[in-house]
């Protein structure tokens, strides 16, 4: 499994390219398809755990929107989305 820094970079790039919030199951599936998590048996579960931890970090570029969706934090926004 890739280190958290590679995960963070991959998720940021994925969210930038998509331009909309993504559900953790979609993030896990895409990472597995891209080969980054080729050996991970439950990519959705791991994505949920890592995205949740990333979104809790106060200076994270990723925010949790609820119901399993994650998005990029808007420029200048310092509070997480409801």
C-alpha atoms as a PDB file:
ATOM      1  CA  UNK A   1       0.000   0.000   0.000  1.00  0.00           C
ATOM      2  CA  UNK A   2       1.399   3.429  -0.866  1.00  0.00           C
ATOM      3  CA  UNK A   3       2.459   5.777   1.903  1.00  0.00           C
ATOM      4  CA  UNK A   4      -0.047   8.420   3.062  1.00  0.00           C
ATOM      5  CA  UNK A   5       1.787  11.180   1.154  1.00  0.00           C
ATOM      6  CA  UNK A   6       1.324   9.381  -2.190  1.00  0.00           C
ATOM      7  CA  UNK A   7      -2.323   8.785  -1.279  1.00  0.00           C
ATOM      8  CA  UNK A   8      -2.828  12.480  -0.506  1.00  0.00           C
ATOM      9  CA  UNK A   9      -1.228  13.584  -3.772  1.00  0.00           C
ATOM     10  CA  UNK A  10      -3.267  11.078  -5.780  1.00  0.00           C
ATOM     11  CA  UNK A  11      -6.523  12.172  -4.120  1.00  0.00           C
ATOM     12  CA  UNK A  12      -5.773  15.863  -4.657  1.00  0.00           C
ATOM     13  CA  UNK A  13      -5.052  15.259  -8.335  1.00  0.00           C
ATOM     14  CA  UNK A  14      -8.191  13.130  -8.686  1.00  0.00           C
ATOM     15  CA  UNK A  15     -10.427  15.776  -7.092  1.00  0.00           C
ATOM     16  CA  UNK A  16      -8.855  18.565  -9.189  1.00  0.00           C
ATOM     17  CA  UNK A  17      -9.366  16.640 -12.420  1.00  0.00           C
ATOM     18  CA  UNK A  18     -12.940  15.669 -11.550  1.00  0.00           C
ATOM     19  CA  UNK A  19     -13.939  19.155 -10.405  1.00  0.00           C
ATOM     20  CA  UNK A  20     -16.633  17.834  -8.075  1.00  0.00           C
ATOM     21  CA  UNK A  21     -16.873  15.961  -4.761  1.00  0.00           C
ATOM     22  CA  UNK A  22     -16.265  12.219  -4.885  1.00  0.00           C
ATOM     23  CA  UNK A  23     -17.528   9.408  -2.671  1.00  0.00           C
ATOM     24  CA  UNK A  24     -14.886   7.360  -0.874  1.00  0.00           C
ATOM     25  CA  UNK A  25     -15.953   4.216  -2.773  1.00  0.00           C
ATOM     26  CA  UNK A  26     -15.210   5.977  -6.070  1.00  0.00           C
ATOM     27  CA  UNK A  27     -11.830   7.150  -4.783  1.00  0.00           C
ATOM     28  CA  UNK A  28     -10.902   3.614  -3.666  1.00  0.00           C
ATOM     29  CA  UNK A  29     -12.051   2.069  -6.928  1.00  0.00           C
ATOM     30  CA  UNK A  30     -10.107   4.577  -9.024  1.00  0.00           C
ATOM     31  CA  UNK A  31      -6.927   4.120  -6.998  1.00  0.00           C
ATOM     32  CA  UNK A  32      -7.167   0.352  -7.456  1.00  0.00           C
ATOM     33  CA  UNK A  33      -7.838   0.709 -11.212  1.00  0.00           C
ATOM     34  CA  UNK A  34      -4.877   3.081 -11.557  1.00  0.00           C
ATOM     35  CA  UNK A  35      -2.614   0.447 -10.009  1.00  0.00           C
ATOM     36  CA  UNK A  36      -1.714   2.534  -6.971  1.00  0.00           C
ATOM     37  CA  UNK A  37      -3.567   0.060  -4.741  1.00  0.00           C
ATOM     38  CA  UNK A  38      -3.220  -3.023  -6.950  1.00  0.00           C
ATOM     39  CA  UNK A  39      -2.641  -5.312  -3.954  1.00  0.00           C
ATOM     40  CA  UNK A  40      -5.277  -3.805  -1.638  1.00  0.00           C
ATOM     41  CA  UNK A  41      -8.186  -6.201  -1.087  1.00  0.00           C
ATOM     42  CA  UNK A  42     -10.703  -3.624   0.233  1.00  0.00           C
ATOM     43  CA  UNK A  43      -9.837  -0.296  -1.430  1.00  0.00           C
ATOM     44  CA  UNK A  44     -13.146   1.356  -0.475  1.00  0.00           C
ATOM     45  CA  UNK A  45     -12.608   0.611   3.216  1.00  0.00           C
ATOM     46  CA  UNK A  46      -9.026   1.903   3.176  1.00  0.00           C
ATOM     47  CA  UNK A  47     -10.052   5.020   1.219  1.00  0.00           C
ATOM     48  CA  UNK A  48     -12.748   5.757   3.800  1.00  0.00           C
ATOM     49  CA  UNK A  49     -10.256   5.514   6.670  1.00  0.00           C
ATOM     50  CA  UNK A  50      -7.540   7.577   4.977  1.00  0.00           C
ATOM     51  CA  UNK A  51      -9.901  10.258   3.644  1.00  0.00           C
ATOM     52  CA  UNK A  52     -11.509  10.617   7.058  1.00  0.00           C
ATOM     53  CA  UNK A  53      -8.103  11.095   8.683  1.00  0.00           C
ATOM     54  CA  UNK A  54      -7.002  13.534   5.972  1.00  0.00           C
ATOM     55  CA  UNK A  55     -10.164  15.642   6.312  1.00  0.00           C
ATOM     56  CA  UNK A  56      -9.735  15.908  10.122  1.00  0.00           C
ATOM     57  CA  UNK A  57      -6.341  17.588   9.724  1.00  0.00           C
ATOM     58  CA  UNK A  58      -6.891  21.316  10.308  1.00  0.00           C
ATOM     59  CA  UNK A  59      -4.825  22.440   7.296  1.00  0.00           C
ATOM     60  CA  UNK A  60      -5.984  19.690   4.968  1.00  0.00           C
ATOM     61  CA  UNK A  61      -6.799  20.595   1.375  1.00  0.00           C
ATOM     62  CA  UNK A  62      -9.621  18.024   1.569  1.00  0.00           C
ATOM     63  CA  UNK A  63     -12.911  18.452   3.445  1.00  0.00           C
ATOM     64  CA  UNK A  64     -15.632  15.966   4.339  1.00  0.00           C
ATOM     65  CA  UNK A  65     -19.043  16.981   3.025  1.00  0.00           C
ATOM     66  CA  UNK A  66     -21.017  14.225   4.744  1.00  0.00           C
ATOM     67  CA  UNK A  67     -22.497  10.928   3.558  1.00  0.00           C
ATOM     68  CA  UNK A  68     -19.054   9.737   2.427  1.00  0.00           C
ATOM     69  CA  UNK A  69     -18.315  12.604   0.005  1.00  0.00           C
ATOM     70  CA  UNK A  70     -15.040  14.524  -0.030  1.00  0.00           C
ATOM     71  CA  UNK A  71     -14.016  17.667  -1.910  1.00  0.00           C
ATOM     72  CA  UNK A  72     -11.181  20.156  -2.176  1.00  0.00           C
ATOM     73  CA  UNK A  73     -11.212  22.972   0.364  1.00  0.00           C
ATOM     74  CA  UNK A  74     -11.902  26.306  -1.296  1.00  0.00           C
ATOM     75  CA  UNK A  75      -9.180  28.940  -1.262  1.00  0.00           C
ATOM     76  CA  UNK A  76      -9.260  30.919   1.979  1.00  0.00           C
ATOM     77  CA  UNK A  77     -11.736  28.549   3.634  1.00  0.00           C
ATOM     78  CA  UNK A  78     -10.485  27.494   7.052  1.00  0.00           C
ATOM     79  CA  UNK A  79     -13.557  25.693   8.344  1.00  0.00           C
ATOM     80  CA  UNK A  80     -14.789  22.265   7.244  1.00  0.00           C
ATOM     81  CA  UNK A  81     -18.030  21.995   5.318  1.00  0.00           C
ATOM     82  CA  UNK A  82     -21.094  20.849   7.274  1.00  0.00           C
END
